[in-house]
PDB file of N, CA and C in Angstrom:
ATOM      1  N   MET A   1      22.785 -45.649 -11.986  1.00  0.00           N
ATOM      2  CA  MET A   1      22.689 -44.685 -10.911  1.00  0.00           C
ATOM      3  C   MET A   1      22.700 -43.281 -11.489  1.00  0.00           C
ATOM      4  N   SER A   2      21.872 -42.414 -10.949  1.00  0.00           N
ATOM      5  CA  SER A   2      21.740 -41.062 -11.457  1.00  0.00           C
ATOM      6  C   SER A   2      22.992 -40.229 -11.156  1.00  0.00           C
ATOM      7  N   THR A   3      23.238 -39.253 -12.012  1.00  0.00           N
ATOM      8  CA  THR A   3      24.384 -38.372 -11.785  1.00  0.00           C
ATOM      9  C   THR A   3      24.159 -37.455 -10.599  1.00  0.00           C
ATOM     10  N   LEU A   4      22.892 -37.229 -10.244  1.00  0.00           N
ATOM     11  CA  LEU A   4      22.580 -36.335  -9.125  1.00  0.00           C
ATOM     12  C   LEU A   4      23.060 -36.912  -7.800  1.00  0.00           C
ATOM     13  N   THR A   5      22.969 -38.197  -7.622  1.00  0.00           N
ATOM     14  CA  THR A   5      23.376 -38.802  -6.354  1.00  0.00           C
ATOM     15  C   THR A   5      24.883 -38.748  -6.140  1.00  0.00           C
ATOM     16  N   LYS A   6      25.624 -38.612  -7.196  1.00  0.00           N
ATOM     17  CA  LYS A   6      27.084 -38.557  -7.074  1.00  0.00           C
ATOM     18  C   LYS A   6      27.576 -37.123  -6.882  1.00  0.00           C
ATOM     19  N   GLN A   7      26.724 -36.167  -7.086  1.00  0.00           N
ATOM     20  CA  GLN A   7      27.129 -34.758  -7.059  1.00  0.00           C
ATOM     21  C   GLN A   7      27.090 -34.186  -5.647  1.00  0.00           C
ATOM     22  N   ARG A   8      27.874 -33.172  -5.452  1.00  0.00           N
ATOM     23  CA  ARG A   8      27.908 -32.400  -4.208  1.00  0.00           C
ATOM     24  C   ARG A   8      27.453 -30.990  -4.513  1.00  0.00           C
ATOM     25  N   CYS A   9      27.002 -30.315  -3.486  1.00  0.00           N
ATOM     26  CA  CYS A   9      26.545 -28.931  -3.634  1.00  0.00           C
ATOM     27  C   CYS A   9      27.728 -28.063  -4.062  1.00  0.00           C
ATOM     28  N   ARG A  10      27.447 -27.172  -4.963  1.00  0.00           N
ATOM     29  CA  ARG A  10      28.506 -26.289  -5.464  1.00  0.00           C
ATOM     30  C   ARG A  10      28.978 -25.328  -4.378  1.00  0.00           C
ATOM     31  N   LEU A  11      28.060 -24.895  -3.508  1.00  0.00           N
ATOM     32  CA  LEU A  11      28.417 -23.924  -2.467  1.00  0.00           C
ATOM     33  C   LEU A  11      28.806 -24.596  -1.155  1.00  0.00           C
ATOM     34  N   HIS A  12      28.280 -25.798  -0.915  1.00  0.00           N
ATOM     35  CA  HIS A  12      28.581 -26.537   0.308  1.00  0.00           C
ATOM     36  C   HIS A  12      29.108 -27.912  -0.106  1.00  0.00           C
ATOM     37  N   GLY A  13      30.389 -28.020  -0.260  1.00  0.00           N
ATOM     38  CA  GLY A  13      31.004 -29.227  -0.788  1.00  0.00           C
ATOM     39  C   GLY A  13      30.780 -30.475   0.036  1.00  0.00           C
ATOM     40  N   HIS A  14      30.472 -30.332   1.312  1.00  0.00           N
ATOM     41  CA  HIS A  14      30.253 -31.500   2.162  1.00  0.00           C
ATOM     42  C   HIS A  14      28.820 -32.019   2.102  1.00  0.00           C
ATOM     43  N   ARG A  15      27.930 -31.291   1.420  1.00  0.00           N
ATOM     44  CA  ARG A  15      26.524 -31.711   1.339  1.00  0.00           C
ATOM     45  C   ARG A  15      26.236 -32.371  -0.011  1.00  0.00           C
ATOM     46  N   GLU A  16      25.281 -33.282   0.030  1.00  0.00           N
ATOM     47  CA  GLU A  16      24.849 -33.964  -1.172  1.00  0.00           C
ATOM     48  C   GLU A  16      23.953 -33.052  -2.006  1.00  0.00           C
ATOM     49  N   ALA A  17      24.081 -33.058  -3.286  1.00  0.00           N
ATOM     50  CA  ALA A  17      23.237 -32.244  -4.157  1.00  0.00           C
ATOM     51  C   ALA A  17      21.861 -32.883  -4.280  1.00  0.00           C
ATOM     52  N   VAL A  18      20.822 -32.030  -4.277  1.00  0.00           N
ATOM     53  CA  VAL A  18      19.449 -32.536  -4.411  1.00  0.00           C
ATOM     54  C   VAL A  18      18.777 -31.981  -5.665  1.00  0.00           C
ATOM     55  N   ALA A  19      19.362 -30.975  -6.268  1.00  0.00           N
ATOM     56  CA  ALA A  19      18.740 -30.381  -7.450  1.00  0.00           C
ATOM     57  C   ALA A  19      19.807 -29.791  -8.365  1.00  0.00           C
ATOM     58  N   ARG A  20      19.428 -29.692  -9.629  1.00  0.00           N
ATOM     59  CA  ARG A  20      20.293 -29.055 -10.615  1.00  0.00           C
ATOM     60  C   ARG A  20      19.565 -27.811 -11.119  1.00  0.00           C
ATOM     61  N   CYS A  21      20.214 -26.700 -11.017  1.00  0.00           N
ATOM     62  CA  CYS A  21      19.604 -25.433 -11.425  1.00  0.00           C
ATOM     63  C   CYS A  21      19.449 -25.427 -12.954  1.00  0.00           C
ATOM     64  N   PRO A  22      18.243 -25.149 -13.451  1.00  0.00           N
ATOM     65  CA  PRO A  22      18.052 -25.133 -14.908  1.00  0.00           C
ATOM     66  C   PRO A  22      18.720 -23.938 -15.588  1.00  0.00           C
ATOM     67  N   GLU A  23      19.038 -22.900 -14.835  1.00  0.00           N
ATOM     68  CA  GLU A  23      19.670 -21.707 -15.427  1.00  0.00           C
ATOM     69  C   GLU A  23      21.175 -21.916 -15.629  1.00  0.00           C
ATOM     70  N   CYS A  24      21.872 -22.257 -14.552  1.00  0.00           N
ATOM     71  CA  CYS A  24      23.333 -22.399 -14.636  1.00  0.00           C
ATOM     72  C   CYS A  24      23.774 -23.847 -14.784  1.00  0.00           C
ATOM     73  N   GLU A  25      22.812 -24.777 -14.602  1.00  0.00           N
ATOM     74  CA  GLU A  25      23.053 -26.218 -14.743  1.00  0.00           C
ATOM     75  C   GLU A  25      24.122 -26.736 -13.784  1.00  0.00           C
ATOM     76  N   LYS A  26      24.159 -26.140 -12.595  1.00  0.00           N
ATOM     77  CA  LYS A  26      25.069 -26.615 -11.552  1.00  0.00           C
ATOM     78  C   LYS A  26      24.245 -27.277 -10.460  1.00  0.00           C
ATOM     79  N   PHE A  27      24.900 -28.091  -9.663  1.00  0.00           N
ATOM     80  CA  PHE A  27      24.214 -28.858  -8.630  1.00  0.00           C
ATOM     81  C   PHE A  27      24.257 -28.104  -7.302  1.00  0.00           C
ATOM     82  N   PHE A  28      23.135 -28.225  -6.538  1.00  0.00           N
ATOM     83  CA  PHE A  28      23.035 -27.514  -5.265  1.00  0.00           C
ATOM     84  C   PHE A  28      22.328 -28.377  -4.242  1.00  0.00           C
ATOM     85  N   CYS A  29      22.592 -28.073  -2.970  1.00  0.00           N
ATOM     86  CA  CYS A  29      21.925 -28.783  -1.874  1.00  0.00           C
ATOM     87  C   CYS A  29      20.549 -28.162  -1.633  1.00  0.00           C
ATOM     88  N   ARG A  30      19.819 -28.722  -0.692  1.00  0.00           N
ATOM     89  CA  ARG A  30      18.459 -28.291  -0.403  1.00  0.00           C
ATOM     90  C   ARG A  30      18.385 -26.834   0.054  1.00  0.00           C
ATOM     91  N   GLU A  31      19.370 -26.381   0.763  1.00  0.00           N
ATOM     92  CA  GLU A  31      19.348 -25.018   1.298  1.00  0.00           C
ATOM     93  C   GLU A  31      19.725 -23.969   0.251  1.00  0.00           C
ATOM     94  N   CYS A  32      20.295 -24.379  -0.846  1.00  0.00           N
ATOM     95  CA  CYS A  32      20.759 -23.418  -1.857  1.00  0.00           C
ATOM     96  C   CYS A  32      19.764 -23.225  -2.995  1.00  0.00           C
ATOM     97  N   VAL A  33      18.659 -23.954  -3.002  1.00  0.00           N
ATOM     98  CA  VAL A  33      17.693 -23.835  -4.087  1.00  0.00           C
ATOM     99  C   VAL A  33      16.361 -23.372  -3.534  1.00  0.00           C
ATOM    100  N   THR A  34      15.582 -22.772  -4.408  1.00  0.00           N
ATOM    101  CA  THR A  34      14.244 -22.325  -4.052  1.00  0.00           C
ATOM    102  C   THR A  34      13.360 -22.416  -5.287  1.00  0.00           C
ATOM    103  N   GLU A  35      12.040 -22.371  -5.085  1.00  0.00           N
ATOM    104  CA  GLU A  35      11.117 -22.465  -6.206  1.00  0.00           C
ATOM    105  C   GLU A  35      10.780 -21.067  -6.699  1.00  0.00           C
ATOM    106  N   HIS A  36      10.854 -20.886  -7.990  1.00  0.00           N
ATOM    107  CA  HIS A  36      10.507 -19.602  -8.601  1.00  0.00           C
ATOM    108  C   HIS A  36       9.835 -19.876  -9.944  1.00  0.00           C
ATOM    109  N   ASP A  37       8.619 -19.406 -10.115  1.00  0.00           N
ATOM    110  CA  ASP A  37       7.843 -19.608 -11.345  1.00  0.00           C
ATOM    111  C   ASP A  37       7.740 -21.078 -11.709  1.00  0.00           C
ATOM    112  N   GLY A  38       7.521 -21.924 -10.704  1.00  0.00           N
ATOM    113  CA  GLY A  38       7.337 -23.347 -10.947  1.00  0.00           C
ATOM    114  C   GLY A  38       8.614 -24.112 -11.243  1.00  0.00           C
ATOM    115  N   ARG A  39       9.764 -23.485 -11.045  1.00  0.00           N
ATOM    116  CA  ARG A  39      11.041 -24.152 -11.281  1.00  0.00           C
ATOM    117  C   ARG A  39      11.874 -24.075 -10.008  1.00  0.00           C
ATOM    118  N   VAL A  40      12.696 -25.100  -9.815  1.00  0.00           N
ATOM    119  CA  VAL A  40      13.648 -25.083  -8.707  1.00  0.00           C
ATOM    120  C   VAL A  40      14.922 -24.440  -9.240  1.00  0.00           C
ATOM    121  N   ILE A  41      15.297 -23.341  -8.621  1.00  0.00           N
ATOM    122  CA  ILE A  41      16.401 -22.539  -9.141  1.00  0.00           C
ATOM    123  C   ILE A  41      17.329 -22.173  -7.988  1.00  0.00           C
ATOM    124  N   CYS A  42      18.609 -21.973  -8.284  1.00  0.00           N
ATOM    125  CA  CYS A  42      19.564 -21.650  -7.218  1.00  0.00           C
ATOM    126  C   CYS A  42      19.471 -20.163  -6.854  1.00  0.00           C
ATOM    127  N   GLN A  43      19.961 -19.838  -5.678  1.00  0.00           N
ATOM    128  CA  GLN A  43      19.858 -18.475  -5.168  1.00  0.00           C
ATOM    129  C   GLN A  43      20.609 -17.455  -6.033  1.00  0.00           C
ATOM    130  N   PRO A  44      21.828 -17.737  -6.495  1.00  0.00           N
ATOM    131  CA  PRO A  44      22.506 -16.743  -7.355  1.00  0.00           C
ATOM    132  C   PRO A  44      21.740 -16.466  -8.654  1.00  0.00           C
ATOM    133  N   CYS A  45      21.187 -17.507  -9.276  1.00  0.00           N
ATOM    134  CA  CYS A  45      20.420 -17.297 -10.503  1.00  0.00           C
ATOM    135  C   CYS A  45      19.121 -16.558 -10.218  1.00  0.00           C
ATOM    136  N   LEU A  46      18.480 -16.860  -9.079  1.00  0.00           N
ATOM    137  CA  LEU A  46      17.260 -16.153  -8.708  1.00  0.00           C
ATOM    138  C   LEU A  46      17.549 -14.671  -8.493  1.00  0.00           C
ATOM    139  N   THR A  47      18.617 -14.367  -7.816  1.00  0.00           N
ATOM    140  CA  THR A  47      18.989 -12.971  -7.591  1.00  0.00           C
ATOM    141  C   THR A  47      19.229 -12.265  -8.920  1.00  0.00           C
ATOM    142  N   GLU A  48      19.905 -12.941  -9.826  1.00  0.00           N
ATOM    143  CA  GLU A  48      20.185 -12.349 -11.140  1.00  0.00           C
ATOM    144  C   GLU A  48      18.898 -12.128 -11.932  1.00  0.00           C
ATOM    145  N   LEU A  49      17.981 -13.106 -11.881  1.00  0.00           N
ATOM    146  CA  LEU A  49      16.709 -12.959 -12.599  1.00  0.00           C
ATOM    147  C   LEU A  49      15.886 -11.818 -12.036  1.00  0.00           C
ATOM    148  N   LEU A  50      15.849 -11.689 -10.713  1.00  0.00           N
ATOM    149  CA  LEU A  50      15.065 -10.617 -10.097  1.00  0.00           C
ATOM    150  C   LEU A  50      15.658  -9.248 -10.409  1.00  0.00           C
ATOM    151  N   GLN A  51      16.970  -9.153 -10.468  1.00  0.00           N
ATOM    152  CA  GLN A  51      17.601  -7.877 -10.819  1.00  0.00           C
ATOM    153  C   GLN A  51      17.312  -7.512 -12.266  1.00  0.00           C
ATOM    154  N   GLU A  52      17.270  -8.502 -13.150  1.00  0.00           N
ATOM    155  CA  GLU A  52      16.935  -8.227 -14.552  1.00  0.00           C
ATOM    156  C   GLU A  52      15.502  -7.739 -14.669  1.00  0.00           C
ATOM    157  N   ASP A  53      14.582  -8.334 -13.877  1.00  0.00           N
ATOM    158  CA  ASP A  53      13.191  -7.894 -13.897  1.00  0.00           C
ATOM    159  C   ASP A  53      13.075  -6.451 -13.443  1.00  0.00           C
ATOM    160  N   VAL A  54      13.803  -6.099 -12.392  1.00  0.00           N
ATOM    161  CA  VAL A  54      13.758  -4.731 -11.870  1.00  0.00           C
ATOM    162  C   VAL A  54      14.336  -3.764 -12.896  1.00  0.00           C
ATOM    163  N   LYS A  55      15.446  -4.148 -13.549  1.00  0.00           N
ATOM    164  CA  LYS A  55      16.064  -3.277 -14.551  1.00  0.00           C
ATOM    165  C   LYS A  55      15.143  -3.083 -15.740  1.00  0.00           C
ATOM    166  N   GLU A  56      14.438  -4.154 -16.135  1.00  0.00           N
ATOM    167  CA  GLU A  56      13.546  -4.047 -17.278  1.00  0.00           C
ATOM    168  C   GLU A  56      12.332  -3.202 -16.978  1.00  0.00           C
ATOM    169  N   ARG A  57      11.809  -3.262 -15.756  1.00  0.00           N
ATOM    170  CA  ARG A  57      10.596  -2.531 -15.427  1.00  0.00           C
ATOM    171  C   ARG A  57      10.851  -1.106 -14.994  1.00  0.00           C
ATOM    172  N   SER A  58      11.962  -0.858 -14.350  1.00  0.00           N
ATOM    173  CA  SER A  58      12.134   0.425 -13.686  1.00  0.00           C
ATOM    174  C   SER A  58      12.135   1.638 -14.616  1.00  0.00           C
ATOM    175  N   PRO A  59      12.699   1.630 -15.832  1.00  0.00           N
ATOM    176  CA  PRO A  59      12.682   2.869 -16.604  1.00  0.00           C
ATOM    177  C   PRO A  59      11.273   3.362 -16.939  1.00  0.00           C
ATOM    178  N   ILE A  60      10.441   2.498 -17.466  1.00  0.00           N
ATOM    179  CA  ILE A  60       9.096   2.935 -17.851  1.00  0.00           C
ATOM    180  C   ILE A  60       8.235   3.180 -16.621  1.00  0.00           C
ATOM    181  N   TRP A  61       8.252   2.214 -15.683  1.00  0.00           N
ATOM    182  CA  TRP A  61       7.398   2.386 -14.500  1.00  0.00           C
ATOM    183  C   TRP A  61       7.891   3.537 -13.642  1.00  0.00           C
ATOM    184  N   GLY A  62       9.187   3.767 -13.653  1.00  0.00           N
ATOM    185  CA  GLY A  62       9.712   4.901 -12.911  1.00  0.00           C
ATOM    186  C   GLY A  62       9.242   6.214 -13.509  1.00  0.00           C
ATOM    187  N   ARG A  63       9.247   6.295 -14.837  1.00  0.00           N
ATOM    188  CA  ARG A  63       8.772   7.518 -15.498  1.00  0.00           C
ATOM    189  C   ARG A  63       7.283   7.712 -15.299  1.00  0.00           C
ATOM    190  N   ILE A  64       6.516   6.643 -15.467  1.00  0.00           N
ATOM    191  CA  ILE A  64       5.071   6.751 -15.288  1.00  0.00           C
ATOM    192  C   ILE A  64       4.751   7.131 -13.851  1.00  0.00           C
ATOM    193  N   GLY A  65       5.430   6.492 -12.909  1.00  0.00           N
ATOM    194  CA  GLY A  65       5.204   6.822 -11.501  1.00  0.00           C
ATOM    195  C   GLY A  65       5.586   8.258 -11.197  1.00  0.00           C
ATOM    196  N   GLY A  66       6.679   8.735 -11.794  1.00  0.00           N
ATOM    197  CA  GLY A  66       7.094  10.120 -11.588  1.00  0.00           C
ATOM    198  C   GLY A  66       6.094  11.104 -12.159  1.00  0.00           C
ATOM    199  N   ILE A  67       5.585  10.813 -13.364  1.00  0.00           N
ATOM    200  CA  ILE A  67       4.597  11.697 -13.997  1.00  0.00           C
ATOM    201  C   ILE A  67       3.304  11.706 -13.206  1.00  0.00           C
ATOM    202  N   LEU A  68       2.848  10.524 -12.781  1.00  0.00           N
ATOM    203  CA  LEU A  68       1.615  10.465 -11.991  1.00  0.00           C
ATOM    204  C   LEU A  68       1.792  11.160 -10.640  1.00  0.00           C
ATOM    205  N   GLY A  69       2.948  10.984 -10.031  1.00  0.00           N
ATOM    206  CA  GLY A  69       3.205  11.631  -8.742  1.00  0.00           C
ATOM    207  C   GLY A  69       3.249  13.139  -8.886  1.00  0.00           C
ATOM    208  N   ALA A  70       3.899  13.616  -9.945  1.00  0.00           N
ATOM    209  CA  ALA A  70       3.962  15.064 -10.163  1.00  0.00           C
ATOM    210  C   ALA A  70       2.575  15.622 -10.454  1.00  0.00           C
ATOM    211  N   GLY A  71       1.791  14.903 -11.244  1.00  0.00           N
ATOM    212  CA  GLY A  71       0.419  15.345 -11.539  1.00  0.00           C
ATOM    213  C   GLY A  71      -0.441  15.365 -10.302  1.00  0.00           C
ATOM    214  N   ALA A  72      -0.317  14.332  -9.484  1.00  0.00           N
ATOM    215  CA  ALA A  72      -1.097  14.291  -8.239  1.00  0.00           C
ATOM    216  C   ALA A  72      -0.666  15.403  -7.295  1.00  0.00           C
ATOM    217  N   GLY A  73       0.618  15.689  -7.232  1.00  0.00           N
ATOM    218  CA  GLY A  73       1.099  16.783  -6.389  1.00  0.00           C
ATOM    219  C   GLY A  73       0.597  18.130  -6.877  1.00  0.00           C
ATOM    220  N   PHE A  74       0.606  18.323  -8.216  1.00  0.00           N
ATOM    221  CA  PHE A  74       0.099  19.572  -8.787  1.00  0.00           C
ATOM    222  C   PHE A  74      -1.388  19.740  -8.490  1.00  0.00           C
ATOM    223  N   MET A  75      -2.153  18.677  -8.659  1.00  0.00           N
ATOM    224  CA  MET A  75      -3.597  18.748  -8.401  1.00  0.00           C
ATOM    225  C   MET A  75      -3.878  19.007  -6.921  1.00  0.00           C
ATOM    226  N   LEU A  76      -3.105  18.404  -6.040  1.00  0.00           N
ATOM    227  CA  LEU A  76      -3.290  18.633  -4.605  1.00  0.00           C
ATOM    228  C   LEU A  76      -2.976  20.082  -4.249  1.00  0.00           C
ATOM    229  N   ALA A  77      -1.883  20.619  -4.784  1.00  0.00           N
ATOM    230  CA  ALA A  77      -1.528  22.016  -4.520  1.00  0.00           C
ATOM    231  C   ALA A  77      -2.589  22.956  -5.083  1.00  0.00           C
ATOM    232  N   TRP A  78      -3.068  22.654  -6.313  1.00  0.00           N
ATOM    233  CA  TRP A  78      -4.118  23.479  -6.910  1.00  0.00           C
ATOM    234  C   TRP A  78      -5.372  23.463  -6.043  1.00  0.00           C
ATOM    235  N   TRP A  79      -5.781  22.297  -5.554  1.00  0.00           N
ATOM    236  CA  TRP A  79      -6.985  22.178  -4.741  1.00  0.00           C
ATOM    237  C   TRP A  79      -6.818  22.950  -3.428  1.00  0.00           C
ATOM    238  N   VAL A  80      -5.663  22.836  -2.778  1.00  0.00           N
ATOM    239  CA  VAL A  80      -5.431  23.537  -1.510  1.00  0.00           C
ATOM    240  C   VAL A  80      -5.526  25.055  -1.721  1.00  0.00           C
ATOM    241  N   PHE A  81      -4.864  25.573  -2.764  1.00  0.00           N
ATOM    242  CA  PHE A  81      -4.912  27.016  -2.997  1.00  0.00           C
ATOM    243  C   PHE A  81      -6.309  27.475  -3.449  1.00  0.00           C
ATOM    244  N   TYR A  82      -7.010  26.633  -4.187  1.00  0.00           N
ATOM    245  CA  TYR A  82      -8.383  26.949  -4.581  1.00  0.00           C
ATOM    246  C   TYR A  82      -9.275  27.064  -3.349  1.00  0.00           C
ATOM    247  N   MET A  83      -9.142  26.128  -2.414  1.00  0.00           N
ATOM    248  CA  MET A  83      -9.976  26.170  -1.205  1.00  0.00           C
ATOM    249  C   MET A  83      -9.611  27.368  -0.337  1.00  0.00           C
ATOM    250  N   ILE A  84      -8.329  27.708  -0.254  1.00  0.00           N
ATOM    251  CA  ILE A  84      -7.924  28.899   0.502  1.00  0.00           C
ATOM    252  C   ILE A  84      -8.525  30.142  -0.143  1.00  0.00           C
ATOM    253  N   GLY A  85      -8.523  30.224  -1.459  1.00  0.00           N
ATOM    254  CA  GLY A  85      -9.127  31.355  -2.166  1.00  0.00           C
ATOM    255  C   GLY A  85     -10.621  31.445  -1.914  1.00  0.00           C
ATOM    256  N   ARG A  86     -11.280  30.303  -1.925  1.00  0.00           N
ATOM    257  CA  ARG A  86     -12.739  30.315  -1.662  1.00  0.00           C
ATOM    258  C   ARG A  86     -13.033  30.800  -0.253  1.00  0.00           C
ATOM    259  N   VAL A  87     -12.229  30.375   0.715  1.00  0.00           N
ATOM    260  CA  VAL A  87     -12.430  30.823   2.102  1.00  0.00           C
ATOM    261  C   VAL A  87     -12.199  32.324   2.196  1.00  0.00           C
ATOM    262  N   LEU A  88     -11.152  32.827   1.540  1.00  0.00           N
ATOM    263  CA  LEU A  88     -10.878  34.270   1.590  1.00  0.00           C
ATOM    264  C   LEU A  88     -11.975  35.068   0.894  1.00  0.00           C
ATOM    265  N   LEU A  89     -12.530  34.509  -0.180  1.00  0.00           N
ATOM    266  CA  LEU A  89     -13.620  35.216  -0.863  1.00  0.00           C
ATOM    267  C   LEU A  89     -14.913  35.202  -0.058  1.00  0.00           C
ATOM    268  N   SER A  90     -15.083  34.227   0.793  1.00  0.00           N
ATOM    269  CA  SER A  90     -16.316  34.155   1.580  1.00  0.00           C
ATOM    270  C   SER A  90     -16.304  35.110   2.773  1.00  0.00           C
ATOM    271  N   ILE A  91     -15.152  35.665   3.095  1.00  0.00           N
ATOM    272  CA  ILE A  91     -15.061  36.625   4.197  1.00  0.00           C
ATOM    273  C   ILE A  91     -15.627  37.959   3.702  1.00  0.00           C
ATOM    274  N   PRO A  92     -16.543  38.562   4.439  1.00  0.00           N
ATOM    275  CA  PRO A  92     -17.130  39.831   3.984  1.00  0.00           C
ATOM    276  C   PRO A  92     -16.074  40.930   3.850  1.00  0.00           C
ATOM    277  N   SER A  93     -16.310  41.839   2.910  1.00  0.00           N
ATOM    278  CA  SER A  93     -15.349  42.905   2.652  1.00  0.00           C
ATOM    279  C   SER A  93     -15.227  43.859   3.840  1.00  0.00           C
ATOM    280  N   MET A  94     -16.239  43.895   4.685  1.00  0.00           N
ATOM    281  CA  MET A  94     -16.164  44.754   5.879  1.00  0.00           C
ATOM    282  C   MET A  94     -15.034  44.294   6.805  1.00  0.00           C
ATOM    283  N   PHE A  95     -14.721  43.010   6.777  1.00  0.00           N
ATOM    284  CA  PHE A  95     -13.623  42.488   7.596  1.00  0.00           C
ATOM    285  C   PHE A  95     -12.298  43.035   7.106  1.00  0.00           C
ATOM    286  N   HIS A  96     -12.119  43.085   5.774  1.00  0.00           N
ATOM    287  CA  HIS A  96     -10.871  43.577   5.201  1.00  0.00           C
ATOM    288  C   HIS A  96     -10.723  45.085   5.404  1.00  0.00           C
ATOM    289  N   ASP A  97     -11.866  45.814   5.381  1.00  0.00           N
ATOM    290  CA  ASP A  97     -11.816  47.261   5.575  1.00  0.00           C
ATOM    291  C   ASP A  97     -11.591  47.619   7.043  1.00  0.00           C
ATOM    292  N   GLY A  98     -11.901  46.696   7.915  1.00  0.00           N
ATOM    293  CA  GLY A  98     -11.786  46.975   9.337  1.00  0.00           C
ATOM    294  C   GLY A  98     -13.042  47.615   9.900  1.00  0.00           C
ATOM    295  N   THR A  99     -14.065  47.775   9.047  1.00  0.00           N
ATOM    296  CA  THR A  99     -15.297  48.416   9.524  1.00  0.00           C
ATOM    297  C   THR A  99     -16.182  47.448  10.282  1.00  0.00           C
ATOM    298  N   ILE A 100     -15.944  46.152  10.182  1.00  0.00           N
ATOM    299  CA  ILE A 100     -16.775  45.169  10.870  1.00  0.00           C
ATOM    300  C   ILE A 100     -16.634  45.296  12.392  1.00  0.00           C
ATOM    301  N   PHE A 101     -15.476  45.782  12.843  1.00  0.00           N
ATOM    302  CA  PHE A 101     -15.248  45.894  14.280  1.00  0.00           C
ATOM    303  C   PHE A 101     -15.774  47.211  14.835  1.00  0.00           C
ATOM    304  N   LYS A 102     -16.134  48.141  13.964  1.00  0.00           N
ATOM    305  CA  LYS A 102     -16.647  49.436  14.404  1.00  0.00           C
ATOM    306  C   LYS A 102     -18.137  49.405  14.639  1.00  0.00           C
ATOM    307  N   HIS A 103     -18.823  48.330  14.172  1.00  0.00           N
ATOM    308  CA  HIS A 103     -20.286  48.257  14.357  1.00  0.00           C
ATOM    309  C   HIS A 103     -20.650  47.754  15.709  1.00  0.00           C
TER     310      HIS A 103
END
């Protein structure tokens, strides 16, 4: 007889275990496990793995995202002020002198 059939869920002692987590090697019931990257893994280990992924990615991707965001913001501000300058330059000088209203 398999050892799995004799085991109980680590989190729900009254339930029968249906899987053994490959990360922590503890037994869990059907509600405590989920599939991740083709493996059946328990929720605490999945949470830990996902947090490690976020910690590993966030420094570089955070910096790259910050640099790209700052560059995009600078380019947007430059474009807005450039277009405002072009509009102001297209206004005839008679408007600025006030002579346009005297004609």
